[in-house]
C-alpha atoms as a PDB file:
ATOM      1  CA  MET A   1      -8.582 -41.139 117.197  1.00  0.00           C
ATOM      2  CA  LYS A   2     -10.078 -42.954 114.206  1.00  0.00           C
ATOM      3  CA  LYS A   3      -6.890 -44.970 113.726  1.00  0.00           C
ATOM      4  CA  LEU A   4      -6.945 -45.934 117.398  1.00  0.00           C
ATOM      5  CA  LEU A   5     -10.565 -47.117 117.096  1.00  0.00           C
ATOM      6  CA  ILE A   6      -9.717 -49.204 114.028  1.00  0.00           C
ATOM      7  CA  LEU A   7      -6.747 -50.727 115.857  1.00  0.00           C
ATOM      8  CA  GLN A   8      -8.966 -51.636 118.811  1.00  0.00           C
ATOM      9  CA  MET A   9     -11.500 -53.291 116.508  1.00  0.00           C
ATOM     10  CA  MET A  10      -8.734 -55.275 114.815  1.00  0.00           C
ATOM     11  CA  LEU A  11      -7.443 -56.472 118.167  1.00  0.00           C
ATOM     12  CA  ILE A  12     -10.925 -57.536 119.239  1.00  0.00           C
ATOM     13  CA  GLY A  13     -11.343 -59.389 115.954  1.00  0.00           C
ATOM     14  CA  CYS A  14      -8.050 -61.224 116.465  1.00  0.00           C
ATOM     15  CA  LEU A  15      -9.106 -62.302 119.926  1.00  0.00           C
ATOM     16  CA  GLN A  16     -12.410 -63.601 118.582  1.00  0.00           C
ATOM     17  CA  ILE A  17     -10.693 -65.556 115.826  1.00  0.00           C
ATOM     18  CA  SER A  18      -8.167 -67.151 118.155  1.00  0.00           C
ATOM     19  CA  GLY A  19     -10.840 -67.932 120.729  1.00  0.00           C
ATOM     20  CA  GLN A  20      -9.197 -66.408 123.766  1.00  0.00           C
ATOM     21  CA  GLN A  21     -12.245 -65.959 125.949  1.00  0.00           C
ATOM     22  CA  VAL A  22     -11.523 -66.800 129.584  1.00  0.00           C
ATOM     23  CA  THR A  23     -14.356 -67.944 131.856  1.00  0.00           C
ATOM     24  CA  HIS A  24     -14.203 -68.063 135.646  1.00  0.00           C
ATOM     25  CA  ILE A  25     -16.198 -71.247 135.868  1.00  0.00           C
ATOM     26  CA  TRP A  26     -17.433 -70.958 139.445  1.00  0.00           C
ATOM     27  CA  ASP A  27     -18.521 -67.310 139.389  1.00  0.00           C
ATOM     28  CA  GLY A  28     -22.175 -66.928 140.393  1.00  0.00           C
ATOM     29  CA  THR A  29     -22.463 -70.403 141.887  1.00  0.00           C
ATOM     30  CA  ASN A  30     -21.438 -69.848 145.528  1.00  0.00           C
ATOM     31  CA  GLN A  31     -19.114 -72.809 145.071  1.00  0.00           C
ATOM     32  CA  GLY A  32     -15.554 -73.487 143.963  1.00  0.00           C
ATOM     33  CA  SER A  33     -12.992 -70.745 143.490  1.00  0.00           C
ATOM     34  CA  HIS A  34     -12.827 -67.563 141.391  1.00  0.00           C
ATOM     35  CA  GLY A  35      -9.297 -68.526 140.375  1.00  0.00           C
ATOM     36  CA  VAL A  36     -10.425 -71.560 138.368  1.00  0.00           C
ATOM     37  CA  THR A  37     -10.633 -70.593 134.700  1.00  0.00           C
ATOM     38  CA  LEU A  38     -11.444 -72.119 131.333  1.00  0.00           C
ATOM     39  CA  LYS A  39      -9.630 -70.625 128.333  1.00  0.00           C
ATOM     40  CA  GLU A  40     -11.321 -71.079 124.967  1.00  0.00           C
ATOM     41  CA  TYR A  41      -9.581 -71.776 121.647  1.00  0.00           C
ATOM     42  CA  LEU A  42     -12.035 -71.915 118.762  1.00  0.00           C
ATOM     43  CA  PRO A  43     -11.178 -72.995 115.209  1.00  0.00           C
ATOM     44  CA  SER A  44     -12.075 -70.768 112.255  1.00  0.00           C
ATOM     45  CA  THR A  45     -15.100 -72.935 111.369  1.00  0.00           C
ATOM     46  CA  PRO A  46     -17.728 -74.327 113.775  1.00  0.00           C
ATOM     47  CA  ALA A  47     -16.463 -77.428 115.563  1.00  0.00           C
ATOM     48  CA  LYS A  48     -18.417 -80.599 116.256  1.00  0.00           C
ATOM     49  CA  THR A  49     -15.912 -81.858 118.827  1.00  0.00           C
ATOM     50  CA  ALA A  50     -14.572 -80.081 121.900  1.00  0.00           C
ATOM     51  CA  VAL A  51     -11.722 -81.117 124.183  1.00  0.00           C
ATOM     52  CA  ILE A  52     -11.102 -79.895 127.724  1.00  0.00           C
ATOM     53  CA  VAL A  53      -7.333 -79.829 128.277  1.00  0.00           C
ATOM     54  CA  CYS A  54      -5.941 -80.479 131.772  1.00  0.00           C
ATOM     55  CA  PRO A  55      -2.254 -79.531 132.067  1.00  0.00           C
ATOM     56  CA  GLY A  56       0.008 -81.482 134.388  1.00  0.00           C
ATOM     57  CA  GLY A  57       2.079 -80.348 137.344  1.00  0.00           C
ATOM     58  CA  SER A  58       1.917 -82.996 140.075  1.00  0.00           C
ATOM     59  CA  TYR A  59      -1.336 -81.524 141.405  1.00  0.00           C
ATOM     60  CA  PHE A  60       0.838 -78.740 142.847  1.00  0.00           C
ATOM     61  CA  TRP A  61       1.121 -76.384 139.844  1.00  0.00           C
ATOM     62  CA  LEU A  62       0.166 -76.293 136.159  1.00  0.00           C
ATOM     63  CA  ASP A  63       2.231 -76.356 132.979  1.00  0.00           C
ATOM     64  CA  ARG A  64       0.242 -73.586 131.332  1.00  0.00           C
ATOM     65  CA  VAL A  65       2.313 -73.365 128.157  1.00  0.00           C
ATOM     66  CA  THR A  66       3.582 -76.761 126.951  1.00  0.00           C
ATOM     67  CA  GLU A  67       0.610 -78.794 128.214  1.00  0.00           C
ATOM     68  CA  GLY A  68      -1.924 -75.977 128.015  1.00  0.00           C
ATOM     69  CA  ASP A  69      -1.628 -73.301 125.339  1.00  0.00           C
ATOM     70  CA  SER A  70       0.481 -75.338 122.905  1.00  0.00           C
ATOM     71  CA  VAL A  71      -1.810 -78.365 123.047  1.00  0.00           C
ATOM     72  CA  ALA A  72      -4.934 -76.217 122.663  1.00  0.00           C
ATOM     73  CA  ARG A  73      -3.511 -74.530 119.576  1.00  0.00           C
ATOM     74  CA  SER A  74      -2.685 -77.927 118.078  1.00  0.00           C
ATOM     75  CA  LEU A  75      -6.288 -79.036 118.571  1.00  0.00           C
ATOM     76  CA  GLN A  76      -7.616 -75.731 117.272  1.00  0.00           C
ATOM     77  CA  ALA A  77      -5.556 -76.112 114.092  1.00  0.00           C
ATOM     78  CA  GLN A  78      -7.303 -79.458 113.482  1.00  0.00           C
ATOM     79  CA  GLY A  79     -10.776 -77.967 113.700  1.00  0.00           C
ATOM     80  CA  ILE A  80     -11.344 -79.072 117.296  1.00  0.00           C
ATOM     81  CA  ALA A  81     -12.549 -76.588 119.903  1.00  0.00           C
ATOM     82  CA  ALA A  82     -10.168 -76.598 122.877  1.00  0.00           C
ATOM     83  CA  TYR A  83     -10.746 -75.398 126.423  1.00  0.00           C
ATOM     84  CA  VAL A  84      -7.757 -75.271 128.769  1.00  0.00           C
ATOM     85  CA  LEU A  85      -8.815 -75.820 132.362  1.00  0.00           C
ATOM     86  CA  PHE A  86      -6.703 -74.184 135.036  1.00  0.00           C
ATOM     87  CA  TYR A  87      -7.979 -76.294 137.919  1.00  0.00           C
ATOM     88  CA  ARG A  88      -7.146 -76.005 141.609  1.00  0.00           C
ATOM     89  CA  THR A  89      -3.777 -77.368 142.720  1.00  0.00           C
ATOM     90  CA  GLY A  90      -1.887 -77.551 145.990  1.00  0.00           C
ATOM     91  CA  GLY A  91       0.335 -74.590 145.087  1.00  0.00           C
ATOM     92  CA  VAL A  92       4.062 -73.944 145.022  1.00  0.00           C
ATOM     93  CA  PHE A  93       4.231 -72.452 148.530  1.00  0.00           C
ATOM     94  CA  PRO A  94       2.505 -75.473 150.169  1.00  0.00           C
ATOM     95  CA  PHE A  95       4.798 -77.740 148.147  1.00  0.00           C
ATOM     96  CA  LEU A  96       7.902 -76.006 149.502  1.00  0.00           C
ATOM     97  CA  THR A  97       6.744 -75.440 153.074  1.00  0.00           C
ATOM     98  CA  HIS A  98       4.292 -78.284 153.805  1.00  0.00           C
ATOM     99  CA  SER A  99       1.912 -75.567 155.029  1.00  0.00           C
ATOM    100  CA  ARG A 100      -1.084 -77.845 154.463  1.00  0.00           C
ATOM    101  CA  LEU A 101      -0.112 -79.557 157.705  1.00  0.00           C
ATOM    102  CA  ILE A 102      -1.744 -76.480 159.289  1.00  0.00           C
ATOM    103  CA  VAL A 103      -4.063 -75.066 156.615  1.00  0.00           C
ATOM    104  CA  PRO A 104      -5.677 -77.721 154.360  1.00  0.00           C
ATOM    105  CA  GLY A 105      -5.621 -75.654 151.170  1.00  0.00           C
ATOM    106  CA  HIS A 106      -6.528 -77.275 147.847  1.00  0.00           C
ATOM    107  CA  HIS A 107      -6.831 -81.052 147.619  1.00  0.00           C
ATOM    108  CA  HIS A 108      -9.153 -83.819 146.398  1.00  0.00           C
ATOM    109  CA  PRO A 109     -11.986 -83.569 145.356  1.00  0.00           C
ATOM    110  CA  MET A 110     -11.478 -79.964 144.254  1.00  0.00           C
ATOM    111  CA  PRO A 111      -9.748 -80.720 140.914  1.00  0.00           C
ATOM    112  CA  LEU A 112     -12.448 -83.288 140.070  1.00  0.00           C
ATOM    113  CA  ASN A 113     -15.156 -80.763 140.919  1.00  0.00           C
ATOM    114  CA  ASP A 114     -13.441 -78.278 138.610  1.00  0.00           C
ATOM    115  CA  VAL A 115     -13.320 -80.595 135.603  1.00  0.00           C
ATOM    116  CA  GLN A 116     -16.943 -81.600 136.143  1.00  0.00           C
ATOM    117  CA  GLN A 117     -18.000 -77.952 136.224  1.00  0.00           C
ATOM    118  CA  ALA A 118     -16.003 -77.396 133.028  1.00  0.00           C
ATOM    119  CA  LEU A 119     -17.886 -80.292 131.418  1.00  0.00           C
ATOM    120  CA  ARG A 120     -21.194 -78.709 132.432  1.00  0.00           C
ATOM    121  CA  LEU A 121     -20.282 -75.414 130.796  1.00  0.00           C
ATOM    122  CA  VAL A 122     -18.787 -76.838 127.613  1.00  0.00           C
ATOM    123  CA  ARG A 123     -21.746 -79.164 127.075  1.00  0.00           C
ATOM    124  CA  GLN A 124     -24.031 -76.126 127.111  1.00  0.00           C
ATOM    125  CA  LYS A 125     -22.409 -75.114 123.821  1.00  0.00           C
ATOM    126  CA  ALA A 126     -24.046 -78.125 122.126  1.00  0.00           C
ATOM    127  CA  TYR A 127     -21.019 -79.876 120.655  1.00  0.00           C
ATOM    128  CA  GLU A 128     -21.687 -83.349 119.325  1.00  0.00           C
ATOM    129  CA  ARG A 129     -19.081 -84.759 121.696  1.00  0.00           C
ATOM    130  CA  VAL A 130     -16.881 -83.451 124.484  1.00  0.00           C
ATOM    131  CA  GLY A 131     -13.671 -85.156 125.576  1.00  0.00           C
ATOM    132  CA  VAL A 132     -11.066 -84.550 128.251  1.00  0.00           C
ATOM    133  CA  MET A 133      -7.336 -84.669 127.508  1.00  0.00           C
ATOM    134  CA  GLY A 134      -4.839 -84.578 130.345  1.00  0.00           C
ATOM    135  CA  PHE A 135      -1.095 -84.767 130.855  1.00  0.00           C
ATOM    136  CA  SER A 136       0.747 -86.384 133.771  1.00  0.00           C
ATOM    137  CA  ALA A 137      -1.296 -85.451 136.884  1.00  0.00           C
ATOM    138  CA  GLY A 138      -3.763 -83.889 134.455  1.00  0.00           C
ATOM    139  CA  GLY A 139      -4.027 -87.355 132.913  1.00  0.00           C
ATOM    140  CA  HIS A 140      -5.086 -88.692 136.301  1.00  0.00           C
ATOM    141  CA  LEU A 141      -7.710 -85.956 136.437  1.00  0.00           C
ATOM    142  CA  ALA A 142      -8.941 -86.755 132.930  1.00  0.00           C
ATOM    143  CA  LEU A 143      -9.286 -90.429 133.814  1.00  0.00           C
ATOM    144  CA  SER A 144     -11.031 -89.514 137.065  1.00  0.00           C
ATOM    145  CA  SER A 145     -13.631 -87.577 135.093  1.00  0.00           C
ATOM    146  CA  ALA A 146     -14.340 -90.735 133.083  1.00  0.00           C
ATOM    147  CA  LEU A 147     -14.450 -93.117 136.044  1.00  0.00           C
ATOM    148  CA  PHE A 148     -16.263 -91.020 138.629  1.00  0.00           C
ATOM    149  CA  GLY A 149     -18.586 -88.915 136.479  1.00  0.00           C
ATOM    150  CA  THR A 150     -22.088 -89.915 135.411  1.00  0.00           C
ATOM    151  CA  GLY A 151     -24.474 -88.636 132.766  1.00  0.00           C
ATOM    152  CA  LYS A 152     -23.403 -85.304 131.295  1.00  0.00           C
ATOM    153  CA  LEU A 153     -20.558 -85.111 133.807  1.00  0.00           C
ATOM    154  CA  ARG A 154     -18.870 -88.069 132.119  1.00  0.00           C
ATOM    155  CA  PRO A 155     -16.861 -87.139 128.996  1.00  0.00           C
ATOM    156  CA  ASP A 156     -17.519 -88.849 125.676  1.00  0.00           C
ATOM    157  CA  PHE A 157     -13.860 -89.855 125.378  1.00  0.00           C
ATOM    158  CA  VAL A 158     -10.652 -89.384 127.350  1.00  0.00           C
ATOM    159  CA  VAL A 159      -7.032 -88.877 126.309  1.00  0.00           C
ATOM    160  CA  PRO A 160      -4.569 -89.425 129.200  1.00  0.00           C
ATOM    161  CA  CYS A 161      -0.983 -88.752 128.111  1.00  0.00           C
ATOM    162  CA  TYR A 162       1.895 -90.142 130.213  1.00  0.00           C
ATOM    163  CA  PRO A 163      -0.603 -90.127 133.091  1.00  0.00           C
ATOM    164  CA  VAL A 164      -0.371 -90.675 136.794  1.00  0.00           C
ATOM    165  CA  VAL A 165      -2.737 -93.597 137.405  1.00  0.00           C
ATOM    166  CA  THR A 166      -2.094 -95.323 140.718  1.00  0.00           C
ATOM    167  CA  MET A 167      -1.779 -93.861 144.207  1.00  0.00           C
ATOM    168  CA  SER A 168      -0.339 -97.095 145.565  1.00  0.00           C
ATOM    169  CA  ALA A 169       3.154 -98.594 145.571  1.00  0.00           C
ATOM    170  CA  PRO A 170       5.325 -99.649 143.833  1.00  0.00           C
ATOM    171  CA  CYS A 171       5.013 -97.250 140.886  1.00  0.00           C
ATOM    172  CA  VAL A 172       3.168 -94.359 142.523  1.00  0.00           C
ATOM    173  CA  HIS A 173       4.275 -90.815 141.707  1.00  0.00           C
ATOM    174  CA  LYS A 174       4.614 -89.638 145.299  1.00  0.00           C
ATOM    175  CA  ARG A 175       4.601 -85.907 144.558  1.00  0.00           C
ATOM    176  CA  SER A 176       1.268 -86.157 142.731  1.00  0.00           C
ATOM    177  CA  ARG A 177      -0.174 -88.253 145.548  1.00  0.00           C
ATOM    178  CA  ARG A 178       0.857 -85.641 148.076  1.00  0.00           C
ATOM    179  CA  GLY A 179      -0.436 -82.853 145.828  1.00  0.00           C
ATOM    180  CA  LEU A 180      -3.851 -84.447 145.460  1.00  0.00           C
ATOM    181  CA  LEU A 181      -4.393 -85.931 148.924  1.00  0.00           C
ATOM    182  CA  GLY A 182      -2.556 -83.464 151.162  1.00  0.00           C
ATOM    183  CA  GLU A 183      -0.038 -83.958 153.932  1.00  0.00           C
ATOM    184  CA  TYR A 184      -2.179 -86.254 156.073  1.00  0.00           C
ATOM    185  CA  LYS A 185      -4.436 -88.192 153.708  1.00  0.00           C
ATOM    186  CA  LYS A 186      -1.523 -89.134 151.462  1.00  0.00           C
ATOM    187  CA  ARG A 187      -0.763 -91.822 154.077  1.00  0.00           C
ATOM    188  CA  SER A 188      -4.328 -93.159 154.175  1.00  0.00           C
ATOM    189  CA  ARG A 189      -4.598 -96.568 152.544  1.00  0.00           C
ATOM    190  CA  GLU A 190      -8.315 -95.964 152.016  1.00  0.00           C
ATOM    191  CA  MET A 191      -7.672 -92.709 150.135  1.00  0.00           C
ATOM    192  CA  GLN A 192      -4.864 -94.256 148.130  1.00  0.00           C
ATOM    193  CA  ASP A 193      -7.142 -97.085 147.032  1.00  0.00           C
ATOM    194  CA  SER A 194     -10.045 -94.753 146.279  1.00  0.00           C
ATOM    195  CA  LEU A 195      -7.934 -92.768 143.795  1.00  0.00           C
ATOM    196  CA  SER A 196      -5.849 -95.594 142.316  1.00  0.00           C
ATOM    197  CA  LEU A 197      -7.728 -95.487 139.054  1.00  0.00           C
ATOM    198  CA  GLU A 198      -6.803 -98.944 137.822  1.00  0.00           C
ATOM    199  CA  LYS A 199      -9.036-100.246 140.636  1.00  0.00           C
ATOM    200  CA  HIS A 200     -12.138 -98.360 139.505  1.00  0.00           C
ATOM    201  CA  VAL A 201     -12.515 -99.194 135.829  1.00  0.00           C
ATOM    202  CA  THR A 202     -15.926-100.497 134.758  1.00  0.00           C
ATOM    203  CA  ALA A 203     -17.501-101.376 131.432  1.00  0.00           C
ATOM    204  CA  ALA A 204     -19.282 -97.991 131.526  1.00  0.00           C
ATOM    205  CA  CYS A 205     -16.007 -96.168 130.946  1.00  0.00           C
ATOM    206  CA  PRO A 206     -15.971 -94.109 127.710  1.00  0.00           C
ATOM    207  CA  PRO A 207     -13.402 -94.783 124.945  1.00  0.00           C
ATOM    208  CA  ILE A 208      -9.815 -93.969 125.923  1.00  0.00           C
ATOM    209  CA  PHE A 209      -6.671 -93.086 123.995  1.00  0.00           C
ATOM    210  CA  LEU A 210      -3.717 -93.777 126.297  1.00  0.00           C
ATOM    211  CA  MET A 211      -0.138 -92.755 125.554  1.00  0.00           C
ATOM    212  CA  ASN A 212       3.197 -92.860 127.393  1.00  0.00           C
ATOM    213  CA  CYS A 213       6.922 -93.552 127.027  1.00  0.00           C
ATOM    214  CA  VAL A 214       8.971 -96.325 128.609  1.00  0.00           C
ATOM    215  CA  ASP A 215      11.866 -93.949 129.304  1.00  0.00           C
ATOM    216  CA  ASP A 216       9.636 -91.507 131.233  1.00  0.00           C
ATOM    217  CA  PRO A 217      11.896 -90.168 134.041  1.00  0.00           C
ATOM    218  CA  ILE A 218       9.035 -88.658 136.087  1.00  0.00           C
ATOM    219  CA  VAL A 219       6.017 -90.981 136.097  1.00  0.00           C
ATOM    220  CA  ASP A 220       6.796 -94.694 136.033  1.00  0.00           C
ATOM    221  CA  TYR A 221       5.588 -96.047 132.696  1.00  0.00           C
ATOM    222  CA  ARG A 222       3.919 -98.946 134.513  1.00  0.00           C
ATOM    223  CA  ASN A 223       1.129 -96.536 135.506  1.00  0.00           C
ATOM    224  CA  SER A 224      -0.171 -96.734 131.955  1.00  0.00           C
ATOM    225  CA  VAL A 225       0.410-100.490 131.805  1.00  0.00           C
ATOM    226  CA  LEU A 226      -1.840-100.880 134.853  1.00  0.00           C
ATOM    227  CA  MET A 227      -4.550 -98.810 133.200  1.00  0.00           C
ATOM    228  CA  ASP A 228      -4.256-100.670 129.905  1.00  0.00           C
ATOM    229  CA  SER A 229      -4.659-103.988 131.745  1.00  0.00           C
ATOM    230  CA  ALA A 230      -7.700-102.754 133.646  1.00  0.00           C
ATOM    231  CA  LEU A 231      -9.341-101.397 130.494  1.00  0.00           C
ATOM    232  CA  THR A 232      -8.679-104.651 128.670  1.00  0.00           C
ATOM    233  CA  ALA A 233     -10.088-106.733 131.535  1.00  0.00           C
ATOM    234  CA  HIS A 234     -13.333-104.715 131.457  1.00  0.00           C
ATOM    235  CA  GLN A 235     -13.483-104.669 127.647  1.00  0.00           C
ATOM    236  CA  VAL A 236     -13.425-100.874 127.479  1.00  0.00           C
ATOM    237  CA  PRO A 237     -12.772 -99.631 123.916  1.00  0.00           C
ATOM    238  CA  HIS A 238      -9.330 -98.082 124.007  1.00  0.00           C
ATOM    239  CA  ARG A 239      -6.038 -97.658 122.216  1.00  0.00           C
ATOM    240  CA  TYR A 240      -2.755 -97.804 124.110  1.00  0.00           C
ATOM    241  CA  VAL A 241       0.254 -96.323 122.327  1.00  0.00           C
ATOM    242  CA  GLN A 242       3.542 -96.959 124.135  1.00  0.00           C
ATOM    243  CA  TYR A 243       6.795 -95.455 122.885  1.00  0.00           C
ATOM    244  CA  GLN A 244      10.229 -96.647 123.918  1.00  0.00           C
ATOM    245  CA  THR A 245      11.595 -93.097 123.935  1.00  0.00           C
ATOM    246  CA  GLY A 246      10.083 -89.664 124.422  1.00  0.00           C
ATOM    247  CA  GLY A 247      10.358 -88.779 128.072  1.00  0.00           C
ATOM    248  CA  HIS A 248       7.765 -86.694 129.879  1.00  0.00           C
ATOM    249  CA  GLY A 249       6.140 -83.286 129.787  1.00  0.00           C
ATOM    250  CA  PHE A 250       6.207 -82.569 126.058  1.00  0.00           C
ATOM    251  CA  GLY A 251       2.557 -82.181 125.105  1.00  0.00           C
ATOM    252  CA  THR A 252       2.600 -81.247 121.416  1.00  0.00           C
ATOM    253  CA  THR A 253       5.917 -79.387 121.578  1.00  0.00           C
ATOM    254  CA  TRP A 254       7.990 -81.711 119.420  1.00  0.00           C
ATOM    255  CA  SER A 255      11.334 -80.125 120.302  1.00  0.00           C
ATOM    256  CA  LYS A 256      10.830 -81.507 123.829  1.00  0.00           C
ATOM    257  CA  THR A 257      10.516 -85.143 122.803  1.00  0.00           C
ATOM    258  CA  THR A 258      11.813 -87.703 120.319  1.00  0.00           C
ATOM    259  CA  PRO A 259      10.777 -88.250 116.691  1.00  0.00           C
ATOM    260  CA  GLU A 260       9.207 -91.510 117.830  1.00  0.00           C
ATOM    261  CA  ALA A 261       6.892 -89.971 120.424  1.00  0.00           C
ATOM    262  CA  SER A 262       6.082 -86.950 118.272  1.00  0.00           C
ATOM    263  CA  GLY A 263       3.748 -89.181 116.288  1.00  0.00           C
ATOM    264  CA  TRP A 264       1.266 -89.500 119.146  1.00  0.00           C
ATOM    265  CA  PHE A 265      -0.907 -86.552 118.128  1.00  0.00           C
ATOM    266  CA  GLU A 266      -1.525 -87.892 114.637  1.00  0.00           C
ATOM    267  CA  GLU A 267      -2.272 -91.308 116.143  1.00  0.00           C
ATOM    268  CA  PHE A 268      -4.830 -89.641 118.405  1.00  0.00           C
ATOM    269  CA  LEU A 269      -6.473 -87.774 115.516  1.00  0.00           C
ATOM    270  CA  ASN A 270      -6.778 -90.998 113.521  1.00  0.00           C
ATOM    271  CA  TRP A 271      -8.249 -92.795 116.531  1.00  0.00           C
ATOM    272  CA  LEU A 272     -10.750 -89.985 117.109  1.00  0.00           C
ATOM    273  CA  LYS A 273     -12.201 -90.597 113.640  1.00  0.00           C
ATOM    274  CA  THR A 274     -12.963 -94.201 114.572  1.00  0.00           C
ATOM    275  CA  ILE A 275     -15.059 -93.670 117.707  1.00  0.00           C
END
């Protein structure tokens, strides 16, 4: 019995060290969804900077491992507190069946509401700065938090990696547009324009580290080019790192990309020291 108690205490200690607390961010608010969670990864020493991580998945599902857990552990190892946000998405069944033609399900602005609620909760922990890092569709969400948030609901910096940016032709990622807008509103020119982020950049935008690869087979690399141009036009402090090779969907799992693109994380860490 004593050995079992010691083992339990050791397990609890391991969980505390690795920072595996999971928060259901909408519980007690009468809003949102119980299924939306924020998973905490704390470094061994108190962190001054926190990053909310938004995995990709075309706004239909989430890459919980490569663009969630792996990225959070990479940040944690660098002394940065990481919080992986499992925000609301359209879902696999609606993707396969188009069931949102009948039942609306999850769609905009639910993911944006989720990341803003995550910002509220993380800011309560009194970090010196809180950023949002997102991948693919999660990159679109990260950028949305910067462009559409105000006050404490706007992050201090944003890191969109191979992001979806535009909801308009010719380089739109159609699956992400359908995932975010739903079966009907995906055809609305007004909705497309309202969430084509290159059209909503202002000088109030926080600093941005933008990264993608020209050979990306999923999201047209010109999405990031559009964002870089818009940020430059509005004189927003930013760094755009474009790699010729690297593909898509690799996060910080270097076996899934090229040696060239695997340098992005160090580039980000160096940039973070400058802002």
